[in-house]
Every structure is written in structure tokens, then in C-alpha cells.
C-alpha atoms as a PDB file:
ATOM      1  CA  MET A   1      98.908 104.664  69.727  1.00  0.00           C
ATOM      2  CA  SER A   2      99.741 102.293  72.202  1.00  0.00           C
ATOM      3  CA  GLU A   3      97.307  98.940  72.285  1.00  0.00           C
ATOM      4  CA  VAL A   4      98.006  98.712  76.145  1.00  0.00           C
ATOM      5  CA  ARG A   5      97.635 101.735  78.491  1.00  0.00           C
ATOM      6  CA  PRO A   6     100.416 101.486  81.228  1.00  0.00           C
ATOM      7  CA  LEU A   7      99.227 100.547  84.562  1.00  0.00           C
ATOM      8  CA  LEU A   8      97.724 103.244  86.913  1.00  0.00           C
ATOM      9  CA  GLN A   9      97.786 102.490  90.342  1.00  0.00           C
ATOM     10  CA  ALA A  10      95.997 104.740  93.213  1.00  0.00           C
ATOM     11  CA  ALA A  11      97.690 104.784  96.455  1.00  0.00           C
ATOM     12  CA  LEU A  12      94.819 106.041  98.686  1.00  0.00           C
ATOM     13  CA  ASN A  13      95.937 106.755 101.978  1.00  0.00           C
ATOM     14  CA  GLY A  14      98.876 106.324 104.584  1.00  0.00           C
ATOM     15  CA  ASP A  15     100.354 108.703 107.226  1.00  0.00           C
ATOM     16  CA  ARG A  16      99.466 112.084 105.200  1.00  0.00           C
ATOM     17  CA  GLU A  17      96.869 114.310 106.426  1.00  0.00           C
ATOM     18  CA  HIS A  18      94.053 115.158 104.424  1.00  0.00           C
ATOM     19  CA  PRO A  19      90.335 115.557 104.659  1.00  0.00           C
ATOM     20  CA  ALA A  20      89.771 113.063 101.903  1.00  0.00           C
ATOM     21  CA  ALA A  21      92.299 110.339 103.092  1.00  0.00           C
ATOM     22  CA  PRO A  22      90.358 107.156 104.110  1.00  0.00           C
ATOM     23  CA  ARG A  23      90.908 105.531 107.508  1.00  0.00           C
ATOM     24  CA  THR A  24      88.071 103.167 108.148  1.00  0.00           C
ATOM     25  CA  ALA A  25      87.151 100.042 105.532  1.00  0.00           C
ATOM     26  CA  GLU A  26      84.028 101.667 104.392  1.00  0.00           C
ATOM     27  CA  GLU A  27      85.739 105.127 103.473  1.00  0.00           C
ATOM     28  CA  THR A  28      88.491 103.104 101.953  1.00  0.00           C
ATOM     29  CA  ALA A  29      86.001 101.102  99.800  1.00  0.00           C
ATOM     30  CA  VAL A  30      84.347 104.320  98.849  1.00  0.00           C
ATOM     31  CA  GLU A  31      87.705 105.943  97.637  1.00  0.00           C
ATOM     32  CA  ALA A  32      88.667 102.901  96.043  1.00  0.00           C
ATOM     33  CA  ARG A  33      85.596 102.582  93.951  1.00  0.00           C
ATOM     34  CA  ALA A  34      86.081 106.371  93.054  1.00  0.00           C
ATOM     35  CA  ALA A  35      89.593 105.780  91.872  1.00  0.00           C
ATOM     36  CA  VAL A  36      88.678 102.758  89.635  1.00  0.00           C
ATOM     37  CA  ASP A  37      85.925 104.945  88.300  1.00  0.00           C
ATOM     38  CA  ALA A  38      88.525 107.783  87.159  1.00  0.00           C
ATOM     39  CA  GLY A  39      90.692 105.169  85.755  1.00  0.00           C
ATOM     40  CA  ALA A  40      92.561 103.274  88.361  1.00  0.00           C
ATOM     41  CA  ARG A  41      93.674  99.701  87.389  1.00  0.00           C
ATOM     42  CA  ALA A  42      94.870  98.840  90.919  1.00  0.00           C
ATOM     43  CA  VAL A  43      94.678 100.253  94.364  1.00  0.00           C
ATOM     44  CA  HIS A  44      97.222 100.459  97.224  1.00  0.00           C
ATOM     45  CA  LEU A  45      96.229 100.913 100.732  1.00  0.00           C
ATOM     46  CA  HIS A  46      97.280 100.964 104.365  1.00  0.00           C
ATOM     47  CA  VAL A  47      94.931  99.567 107.002  1.00  0.00           C
ATOM     48  CA  PHE A  48      94.048 101.359 110.050  1.00  0.00           C
ATOM     49  CA  ASP A  49      92.701  99.917 113.622  1.00  0.00           C
ATOM     50  CA  ALA A  50      89.648 101.332 115.128  1.00  0.00           C
ATOM     51  CA  ASP A  51      91.809 103.823 116.990  1.00  0.00           C
ATOM     52  CA  GLY A  52      92.924 105.301 113.788  1.00  0.00           C
ATOM     53  CA  ARG A  53      96.172 103.862 113.971  1.00  0.00           C
ATOM     54  CA  GLN A  54      98.166 102.056 110.828  1.00  0.00           C
ATOM     55  CA  THR A  55      98.042  98.224 111.483  1.00  0.00           C
ATOM     56  CA  PHE A  56      98.970  94.954 110.226  1.00  0.00           C
ATOM     57  CA  ALA A  57      96.606  93.250 112.354  1.00  0.00           C
ATOM     58  CA  ALA A  58      94.611  90.258 110.977  1.00  0.00           C
ATOM     59  CA  GLU A  59      91.170  91.550 111.680  1.00  0.00           C
ATOM     60  CA  PRO A  60      90.779  95.047 110.149  1.00  0.00           C
ATOM     61  CA  SER A  61      93.188  93.909 107.291  1.00  0.00           C
ATOM     62  CA  ALA A  62      90.762  91.286 106.418  1.00  0.00           C
ATOM     63  CA  ALA A  63      87.709  93.853 106.755  1.00  0.00           C
ATOM     64  CA  THR A  64      89.160  96.252 104.452  1.00  0.00           C
ATOM     65  CA  LEU A  65      90.440  93.900 101.891  1.00  0.00           C
ATOM     66  CA  ARG A  66      86.759  92.655 102.167  1.00  0.00           C
ATOM     67  CA  ALA A  67      85.240  95.785 101.855  1.00  0.00           C
ATOM     68  CA  VAL A  68      87.496  97.223  98.879  1.00  0.00           C
ATOM     69  CA  ARG A  69      86.906  93.928  96.863  1.00  0.00           C
ATOM     70  CA  ALA A  70      83.057  94.137  97.142  1.00  0.00           C
ATOM     71  CA  ALA A  71      83.182  97.858  95.808  1.00  0.00           C
ATOM     72  CA  CYS A  72      85.687  97.196  93.287  1.00  0.00           C
ATOM     73  CA  PRO A  73      85.553  93.493  91.999  1.00  0.00           C
ATOM     74  CA  GLY A  74      88.484  92.390  89.901  1.00  0.00           C
ATOM     75  CA  ILE A  75      90.517  94.879  90.812  1.00  0.00           C
ATOM     76  CA  SER A  76      94.267  94.198  91.941  1.00  0.00           C
ATOM     77  CA  ILE A  77      94.808  95.174  95.813  1.00  0.00           C
ATOM     78  CA  SER A  78      98.030  96.127  97.294  1.00  0.00           C
ATOM     79  CA  LEU A  79      98.617  96.562 100.897  1.00  0.00           C
ATOM     80  CA  SER A  80     101.443  98.217 102.749  1.00  0.00           C
ATOM     81  CA  THR A  81     103.874  96.362 104.711  1.00  0.00           C
ATOM     82  CA  SER A  82     106.198  99.415 105.707  1.00  0.00           C
ATOM     83  CA  ALA A  83     108.256  99.475 108.826  1.00  0.00           C
ATOM     84  CA  GLU A  84     106.927 102.567 109.608  1.00  0.00           C
ATOM     85  CA  VAL A  85     103.832 100.820 110.494  1.00  0.00           C
ATOM     86  CA  GLU A  86     105.845  98.007 112.393  1.00  0.00           C
ATOM     87  CA  ALA A  87     109.435  98.675 113.070  1.00  0.00           C
ATOM     88  CA  ASP A  88     110.114  95.176 114.778  1.00  0.00           C
ATOM     89  CA  PRO A  89     110.791  93.100 111.782  1.00  0.00           C
ATOM     90  CA  ARG A  90     109.952  89.556 113.549  1.00  0.00           C
ATOM     91  CA  ARG A  91     106.903  91.257 114.807  1.00  0.00           C
ATOM     92  CA  ARG A  92     105.851  92.481 111.304  1.00  0.00           C
ATOM     93  CA  ILE A  93     106.474  88.756 110.223  1.00  0.00           C
ATOM     94  CA  GLU A  94     104.057  87.285 112.658  1.00  0.00           C
ATOM     95  CA  LEU A  95     101.512  90.001 112.060  1.00  0.00           C
ATOM     96  CA  ILE A  96     101.802  89.191 108.422  1.00  0.00           C
ATOM     97  CA  LYS A  97     101.589  85.236 108.989  1.00  0.00           C
ATOM     98  CA  ALA A  98      98.380  85.869 111.021  1.00  0.00           C
ATOM     99  CA  TRP A  99      96.638  87.324 107.926  1.00  0.00           C
ATOM    100  CA  THR A 100      93.503  85.331 107.148  1.00  0.00           C
ATOM    101  CA  ASP A 101      92.589  87.178 103.763  1.00  0.00           C
ATOM    102  CA  LEU A 102      95.343  88.080 101.602  1.00  0.00           C
ATOM    103  CA  PRO A 103      95.924  90.898  99.018  1.00  0.00           C
ATOM    104  CA  ASP A 104      96.829  90.147  95.548  1.00  0.00           C
ATOM    105  CA  VAL A 105     100.229  91.832  96.150  1.00  0.00           C
ATOM    106  CA  VAL A 106     102.064  93.982  98.814  1.00  0.00           C
ATOM    107  CA  THR A 107     104.583  96.733  98.561  1.00  0.00           C
ATOM    108  CA  ALA A 108     107.667  95.514 100.256  1.00  0.00           C
ATOM    109  CA  ASN A 109     110.702  98.326 101.044  1.00  0.00           C
ATOM    110  CA  GLN A 110     113.600  96.722 100.008  1.00  0.00           C
ATOM    111  CA  GLY A 111     115.847  98.941 102.315  1.00  0.00           C
ATOM    112  CA  GLU A 112     114.148  97.996 105.455  1.00  0.00           C
ATOM    113  CA  ASP A 113     115.305  95.610 107.938  1.00  0.00           C
ATOM    114  CA  GLY A 114     114.323  91.928 107.788  1.00  0.00           C
ATOM    115  CA  ILE A 115     112.985  92.430 104.060  1.00  0.00           C
ATOM    116  CA  ILE A 116     114.380  89.348 102.682  1.00  0.00           C
ATOM    117  CA  GLU A 117     112.628  87.180 105.516  1.00  0.00           C
ATOM    118  CA  LEU A 118     109.436  89.043 104.628  1.00  0.00           C
ATOM    119  CA  CYS A 119     109.707  88.580 100.839  1.00  0.00           C
ATOM    120  CA  GLU A 120     110.376  84.550 101.735  1.00  0.00           C
ATOM    121  CA  LEU A 121     107.132  84.698 103.713  1.00  0.00           C
ATOM    122  CA  LEU A 122     105.088  86.614 101.163  1.00  0.00           C
ATOM    123  CA  THR A 123     106.428  84.103  98.452  1.00  0.00           C
ATOM    124  CA  VAL A 124     105.517  81.015 100.701  1.00  0.00           C
ATOM    125  CA  ARG A 125     102.052  82.687 101.441  1.00  0.00           C
ATOM    126  CA  GLY A 126     101.561  83.338  97.199  1.00  0.00           C
ATOM    127  CA  ILE A 127     101.169  86.934  97.817  1.00  0.00           C
ATOM    128  CA  GLY A 128     102.768  89.059  94.813  1.00  0.00           C
ATOM    129  CA  ILE A 129     105.775  91.481  95.892  1.00  0.00           C
ATOM    130  CA  GLU A 130     105.861  94.861  94.532  1.00  0.00           C
ATOM    131  CA  ALA A 131     109.688  95.691  95.264  1.00  0.00           C
ATOM    132  CA  GLY A 132     109.700  99.307  97.101  1.00  0.00           C
ATOM    133  CA  LEU A 133     112.772 101.135  95.626  1.00  0.00           C
ATOM    134  CA  LEU A 134     112.873 104.382  97.559  1.00  0.00           C
ATOM    135  CA  SER A 135     116.532 105.178  96.618  1.00  0.00           C
ATOM    136  CA  LEU A 136     119.657 104.211  94.586  1.00  0.00           C
ATOM    137  CA  ASP A 137     121.164 101.978  97.508  1.00  0.00           C
ATOM    138  CA  ASP A 138     117.563 100.586  97.776  1.00  0.00           C
ATOM    139  CA  ALA A 139     118.000  99.587  94.125  1.00  0.00           C
ATOM    140  CA  ARG A 140     121.487  98.375  94.418  1.00  0.00           C
ATOM    141  CA  GLN A 141     120.509  96.128  97.505  1.00  0.00           C
ATOM    142  CA  PHE A 142     117.698  94.881  95.363  1.00  0.00           C
ATOM    143  CA  VAL A 143     119.714  93.737  92.399  1.00  0.00           C
ATOM    144  CA  ASN A 144     122.298  92.038  94.939  1.00  0.00           C
ATOM    145  CA  SER A 145     119.386  90.227  96.974  1.00  0.00           C
ATOM    146  CA  GLY A 146     118.199  87.872  94.502  1.00  0.00           C
ATOM    147  CA  VAL A 147     114.779  88.822  95.257  1.00  0.00           C
ATOM    148  CA  ALA A 148     113.935  89.953  91.729  1.00  0.00           C
ATOM    149  CA  PRO A 149     112.628  86.702  90.633  1.00  0.00           C
ATOM    150  CA  SER A 150     110.114  86.120  93.406  1.00  0.00           C
ATOM    151  CA  CYS A 151     108.428  89.791  92.337  1.00  0.00           C
ATOM    152  CA  VAL A 152     105.855  90.884  90.141  1.00  0.00           C
ATOM    153  CA  ARG A 153     107.243  94.384  89.825  1.00  0.00           C
ATOM    154  CA  ALA A 154     109.317  97.246  90.943  1.00  0.00           C
ATOM    155  CA  MET A 155     107.852 100.118  92.420  1.00  0.00           C
ATOM    156  CA  VAL A 156     110.523 103.382  91.446  1.00  0.00           C
ATOM    157  CA  GLU A 157     110.001 105.654  94.372  1.00  0.00           C
ATOM    158  CA  PRO A 158     112.389 108.621  94.771  1.00  0.00           C
ATOM    159  CA  LEU A 159     111.292 111.142  97.479  1.00  0.00           C
ATOM    160  CA  ASP A 160     113.212 114.056  96.624  1.00  0.00           C
ATOM    161  CA  ALA A 161     111.027 117.354  96.927  1.00  0.00           C
ATOM    162  CA  ASP A 162     112.735 118.929  93.693  1.00  0.00           C
ATOM    163  CA  PRO A 163     111.065 117.753  90.558  1.00  0.00           C
ATOM    164  CA  ASP A 164     114.552 117.605  88.744  1.00  0.00           C
ATOM    165  CA  GLU A 165     116.393 115.865  91.647  1.00  0.00           C
ATOM    166  CA  ALA A 166     113.275 113.380  91.794  1.00  0.00           C
ATOM    167  CA  THR A 167     113.345 112.754  88.012  1.00  0.00           C
ATOM    168  CA  ALA A 168     117.238 112.168  88.138  1.00  0.00           C
ATOM    169  CA  HIS A 169     117.149 109.713  91.097  1.00  0.00           C
ATOM    170  CA  ALA A 170     114.129 107.577  88.885  1.00  0.00           C
ATOM    171  CA  ASP A 171     116.490 107.643  86.081  1.00  0.00           C
ATOM    172  CA  ALA A 172     119.554 106.474  88.169  1.00  0.00           C
ATOM    173  CA  ILE A 173     117.354 103.740  89.812  1.00  0.00           C
ATOM    174  CA  GLU A 174     115.789 102.806  86.391  1.00  0.00           C
ATOM    175  CA  ARG A 175     119.318 102.390  85.203  1.00  0.00           C
ATOM    176  CA  THR A 176     120.292 100.242  88.112  1.00  0.00           C
ATOM    177  CA  LEU A 177     117.576  97.704  87.281  1.00  0.00           C
ATOM    178  CA  ALA A 178     118.595  97.693  83.895  1.00  0.00           C
ATOM    179  CA  GLY A 179     122.095  97.148  84.379  1.00  0.00           C
ATOM    180  CA  ALA A 180     121.429  94.403  86.418  1.00  0.00           C
ATOM    181  CA  GLY A 181     118.833  92.654  83.994  1.00  0.00           C
ATOM    182  CA  VAL A 182     116.259  93.097  85.925  1.00  0.00           C
ATOM    183  CA  ARG A 183     113.166  93.331  83.358  1.00  0.00           C
ATOM    184  CA  LEU A 184     110.233  93.495  85.908  1.00  0.00           C
ATOM    185  CA  GLU A 185     107.276  95.917  85.016  1.00  0.00           C
ATOM    186  CA  GLN A 186     107.746  99.442  86.765  1.00  0.00           C
ATOM    187  CA  ILE A 187     105.362 101.752  88.552  1.00  0.00           C
ATOM    188  CA  HIS A 188     107.100 105.066  89.308  1.00  0.00           C
ATOM    189  CA  HIS A 189     105.853 107.600  91.526  1.00  0.00           C
ATOM    190  CA  GLY A 190     107.315 110.499  93.841  1.00  0.00           C
ATOM    191  CA  ASP A 191     106.317 112.482  96.662  1.00  0.00           C
ATOM    192  CA  GLY A 192     104.185 115.737  96.990  1.00  0.00           C
ATOM    193  CA  VAL A 193     104.203 117.952  93.498  1.00  0.00           C
ATOM    194  CA  ALA A 194     107.767 116.471  92.269  1.00  0.00           C
ATOM    195  CA  SER A 195     105.194 113.103  92.179  1.00  0.00           C
ATOM    196  CA  TRP A 196     104.048 114.416  88.945  1.00  0.00           C
ATOM    197  CA  ALA A 197     107.584 114.961  87.220  1.00  0.00           C
ATOM    198  CA  VAL A 198     108.261 111.549  88.036  1.00  0.00           C
ATOM    199  CA  ASN A 199     104.989 110.226  86.560  1.00  0.00           C
ATOM    200  CA  GLU A 200     105.545 112.431  83.294  1.00  0.00           C
ATOM    201  CA  ARG A 201     108.860 110.734  82.664  1.00  0.00           C
ATOM    202  CA  ALA A 202     107.715 107.261  83.391  1.00  0.00           C
ATOM    203  CA  ILE A 203     104.918 107.791  80.995  1.00  0.00           C
ATOM    204  CA  ALA A 204     107.042 108.637  78.351  1.00  0.00           C
ATOM    205  CA  ARG A 205     109.404 105.673  78.908  1.00  0.00           C
ATOM    206  CA  GLY A 206     106.490 103.361  78.720  1.00  0.00           C
ATOM    207  CA  HIS A 207     106.134 102.840  82.524  1.00  0.00           C
ATOM    208  CA  GLY A 208     103.142 102.469  84.999  1.00  0.00           C
ATOM    209  CA  ILE A 209     102.497 105.251  87.485  1.00  0.00           C
ATOM    210  CA  ARG A 210     101.027 105.663  90.979  1.00  0.00           C
ATOM    211  CA  THR A 211      99.054 108.718  92.323  1.00  0.00           C
ATOM    212  CA  GLY A 212      97.036 109.225  95.364  1.00  0.00           C
ATOM    213  CA  LEU A 213      96.705 110.810  98.487  1.00  0.00           C
ATOM    214  CA  GLU A 214      99.526 108.899 100.012  1.00  0.00           C
ATOM    215  CA  ASP A 215     102.008 110.264  97.445  1.00  0.00           C
ATOM    216  CA  THR A 216     100.650 113.823  97.068  1.00  0.00           C
ATOM    217  CA  PRO A 217      97.940 116.148  98.373  1.00  0.00           C
ATOM    218  CA  VAL A 218      98.511 118.405  95.251  1.00  0.00           C
ATOM    219  CA  LEU A 219      97.800 118.694  91.614  1.00  0.00           C
ATOM    220  CA  PRO A 220     100.762 119.450  88.974  1.00  0.00           C
ATOM    221  CA  ASP A 221      99.665 123.148  89.600  1.00  0.00           C
ATOM    222  CA  GLY A 222      99.928 123.231  93.233  1.00  0.00           C
ATOM    223  CA  ARG A 223      96.511 123.172  94.010  1.00  0.00           C
ATOM    224  CA  ILE A 224      95.230 120.975  96.730  1.00  0.00           C
ATOM    225  CA  ALA A 225      93.280 117.878  95.273  1.00  0.00           C
ATOM    226  CA  ARG A 226      89.954 117.413  96.430  1.00  0.00           C
ATOM    227  CA  ASP A 227      90.137 113.429  96.725  1.00  0.00           C
ATOM    228  CA  ASN A 228      92.076 110.692  95.309  1.00  0.00           C
ATOM    229  CA  ARG A 229      89.296 110.816  92.366  1.00  0.00           C
ATOM    230  CA  ASP A 230      90.901 114.162  91.574  1.00  0.00           C
ATOM    231  CA  LEU A 231      94.116 113.022  91.512  1.00  0.00           C
ATOM    232  CA  VAL A 232      93.627 109.903  89.540  1.00  0.00           C
ATOM    233  CA  ALA A 233      91.548 111.727  86.964  1.00  0.00           C
ATOM    234  CA  THR A 234      94.681 113.960  86.546  1.00  0.00           C
ATOM    235  CA  ALA A 235      96.678 110.759  86.286  1.00  0.00           C
ATOM    236  CA  THR A 236      94.311 109.224  83.596  1.00  0.00           C
ATOM    237  CA  SER A 237      94.710 112.739  81.232  1.00  0.00           C
ATOM    238  CA  MET A 238      98.278 112.357  81.294  1.00  0.00           C
ATOM    239  CA  LEU A 239      98.348 109.076  80.144  1.00  0.00           C
ATOM    240  CA  ARG A 240      95.869 109.661  77.599  1.00  0.00           C
ATOM    241  CA  ARG A 241      97.955 112.360  76.296  1.00  0.00           C
ATOM    242  CA  ARG A 242     100.370 109.877  75.405  1.00  0.00           C
ATOM    243  CA  GLU A 243      98.479 107.703  73.439  1.00  0.00           C
END
């Protein structure tokens, strides 16, 4: 039996439409608490402004962080820095420079323009980096960039819709990291129903996993999940079965 269970991170929201996907700071705090109660030991979230748009702006980012920290004291909070929120690399850096309340970590997708400069800023600001590897090309770019020593973990995130293709993609990314001598903690997840196959493979290999409404609206049997708690409880059961 494992002494330490692999990390389970809950990805609470994003651009996916679901009735339970939180948008406001208060909603996000409620979903975070529910996910933690169901077994998550870290949460990842996207911040939204008053108009319901994703944002990196300082004020809504601070408000959301404060609300989640109050609801989940001691839980690691990860924010998104995705170019899908702000495509201009310079504008993204300026917005993140203006943050007044800092997350514990952020996910920085390694295939995006300006990612090296962003990682340099994050390191200067003392924000941990989760290196987002959405493809094999991302993994190759990452190992060649020299960014790995500044990161706290690698996020293995194949987006293939087919479960077999997603797990093969995860395997290729993992082998690329191992071949380059990158020994960072790993968290694995996929997209949609394929995310569960990626999770299962990762658990068998001793890696952490991520689930939540950002990643999938469905449970392993294809039923629509009620909320983040539903997804996290399922992932917690998967981890327990492997102990």
C-alpha cells in the first residue's frame, strides 16, 4: 500500500459550458470547497470578470484567490495563464506583473508564444510553474528550453478525443521527459471521456492526476457529471482502488 497518495488536483472551470462551472469568486470558492471535501488536495481555476469573461486582471484575480483561500485554507491554488485568455504575449505579461495577490502556482503552457519570458517573470515573482505539455511538440520544446529547473511539476495534458490515442500520447510525452532526465512531479489529465483513461494510466504509474469541469463534463461511463464534486469523488475512488 502506498504511503503517500498521488496528488489529485481539481480543475474547476474554464471555457467549458456546464451549469455547475463556477464564474464568480463566490461560486468558485464553493466549488473549491466541495472538491477538497471530495478528495482534491489542490485546485486549478480560471478567473472571470464581472461580464463573465476570462481575465488576468489584478482585481478579479485577487478577489477570487482570497475567496478560495478563505474557503480552503492550506490548499494549493493554481491559476491559468493560457493564451486563450490573452493572446498577446506582451499584454499577458503586463497583466500578470500587476497581480497583487499571488497564486501558489500557475500552469504555463509550453507551446505558447512568449512562454520563456512568462516563465522568467513567474520565477522572479516567486510563483511556482506547472509546465503545461499539451502535445509531444510541447514536451520537446520544454526539454530543450532549459525551463524545467524553474518548474514545480509537469502537466501531461494530451487532448486527443480517443482514449487509446490519448494514453499513447501521454506515454510519448512521459518518455520524452524521462529521456531528457526531467524528474519533475507529474500530473496527468486529458479531455472529455478520454481523460479517465489518461488518469487510470497515470495512477498505475504513480503519477498525480487532475479532473474537474475544465477537463471533462462526463464520468467514466459517459453520464454527465453533476458538478466538480462528482468528478473528484470518482477520481478519489480510482486512487483508493490502487492503494
